[in-house]
Amino acid sequence: MGLPRPVLLICALAVGSVLAADDGPVRVRFAEPAPPGLILGETRITVQAATAADARIARVEIYVDDRLLSVLETPPYTLTWDAGARFGRRVLR
């Protein structure tokens, strides 16, 4: 049976996205914060990602406003981010 094939997940695009990878589809969604939503201060970000049974997610990259925030290599893909003290438009992907 051997080791699972690595699948590189570049980003999570939207709620319930299915991304195309060389080895098949990767299902991705933000579990926290649930979009669309208001975030302020310390915010927990959780991404759920899954792929074929014979593949594995090599890493999950989380971006805020096109800036790399974090690279997570093992599930659960969760981090805490300080979103700041003022409301503003932020794009998580």
Protein backbone atom coordinates (compact mmCIF):
# COMPACT_ATOMS: atom_id res chain seq x y z
CA MET A 1 0.00 0.00 0.00
CA GLY A 2 2.85 2.48 0.73
CA LEU A 3 2.76 6.09 1.80
CA PRO A 4 -0.09 8.40 0.74
CA ARG A 5 0.58 10.75 -2.16
CA PRO A 6 1.18 14.35 -0.99
CA VAL A 7 -1.33 16.98 -2.13
CA LEU A 8 -0.37 20.63 -1.75
CA LEU A 9 -3.32 22.80 -0.74
CA ILE A 10 -2.40 26.33 -1.70
CA CYS A 11 -5.38 28.15 -0.21
CA ALA A 12 -8.97 27.91 0.85
CA LEU A 13 -11.00 30.02 -1.55
CA ALA A 14 -14.53 30.00 -0.22
CA VAL A 15 -16.96 28.07 1.89
CA GLY A 16 -17.20 24.52 0.59
CA SER A 17 -14.72 25.00 -2.26
CA VAL A 18 -13.48 22.09 -4.30
CA LEU A 19 -9.97 22.73 -5.61
CA ALA A 20 -8.40 20.80 -8.45
CA ALA A 21 -5.10 19.14 -7.59
CA ASP A 22 -2.88 16.88 -9.68
CA ASP A 23 -4.13 13.87 -7.74
CA GLY A 24 -7.83 14.71 -7.64
CA PRO A 25 -10.17 17.15 -5.90
CA VAL A 26 -9.49 18.69 -2.52
CA ARG A 27 -12.50 19.80 -0.46
CA VAL A 28 -11.90 22.90 1.64
CA ARG A 29 -13.97 25.12 3.91
CA PHE A 30 -13.49 27.65 6.67
CA ALA A 31 -15.14 26.20 9.77
CA GLU A 32 -14.22 29.26 11.88
CA PRO A 33 -14.95 32.08 11.47
CA ALA A 34 -18.09 31.16 9.58
CA PRO A 35 -18.29 33.46 6.55
CA PRO A 36 -19.59 36.01 6.15
CA GLY A 37 -18.88 37.27 9.59
CA LEU A 38 -17.54 40.05 11.72
CA ILE A 39 -14.24 39.40 13.44
CA LEU A 40 -12.48 41.55 15.99
CA GLY A 41 -9.47 40.97 18.23
CA GLU A 42 -8.23 37.44 18.89
CA THR A 43 -9.94 35.24 16.30
CA ARG A 44 -9.72 31.49 15.91
CA ILE A 45 -9.34 30.35 12.29
CA THR A 46 -10.07 26.73 11.43
CA VAL A 47 -9.86 25.25 7.95
CA GLN A 48 -11.24 21.82 7.14
CA ALA A 49 -9.58 20.09 4.20
CA ALA A 50 -9.94 16.59 2.75
CA THR A 51 -8.73 14.73 -0.32
CA ALA A 52 -8.79 11.22 -1.76
CA ALA A 53 -8.13 8.30 0.60
CA ASP A 54 -4.80 7.49 -1.08
CA ALA A 55 -3.54 11.09 -0.86
CA ARG A 56 -2.76 13.48 1.97
CA ILE A 57 -2.78 17.24 2.50
CA ALA A 58 0.87 18.35 2.58
CA ARG A 59 0.08 21.77 4.04
CA VAL A 60 -2.58 24.46 4.29
CA GLU A 61 -1.60 28.08 3.66
CA ILE A 62 -3.86 30.78 5.10
CA TYR A 63 -3.78 34.28 3.64
CA VAL A 64 -5.23 37.55 4.91
CA ASP A 65 -5.61 40.22 2.23
CA ASP A 66 -3.19 38.33 -0.07
CA ARG A 67 -0.50 38.18 2.68
CA LEU A 68 0.60 34.81 3.96
CA LEU A 69 -0.55 34.51 7.57
CA SER A 70 0.40 30.93 8.40
CA VAL A 71 1.38 27.54 7.03
CA LEU A 72 -0.20 24.57 8.83
CA GLU A 73 1.14 21.09 8.09
CA THR A 74 -0.93 18.87 10.38
CA PRO A 75 -4.62 18.74 11.22
CA PRO A 76 -6.43 20.29 12.86
CA TYR A 77 -5.64 23.28 10.65
CA THR A 78 -6.30 25.88 13.35
CA LEU A 79 -4.60 29.07 14.51
CA THR A 80 -5.41 32.19 16.51
CA TRP A 81 -4.97 35.53 14.77
CA ASP A 82 -5.27 39.06 16.17
CA ALA A 83 -7.66 40.76 13.74
CA GLY A 84 -7.14 44.13 15.43
CA ALA A 85 -9.35 46.46 17.43
CA ARG A 86 -11.17 48.14 14.52
CA PHE A 87 -13.65 46.79 12.05
CA GLY A 88 -12.48 46.67 8.46
CA ARG A 89 -12.81 44.50 5.41
CA ARG A 90 -10.48 41.48 5.45
CA VAL A 91 -10.31 38.65 2.96
CA LEU A 92 -9.32 35.23 4.30
CA ARG A 93 -8.32 32.65 1.75
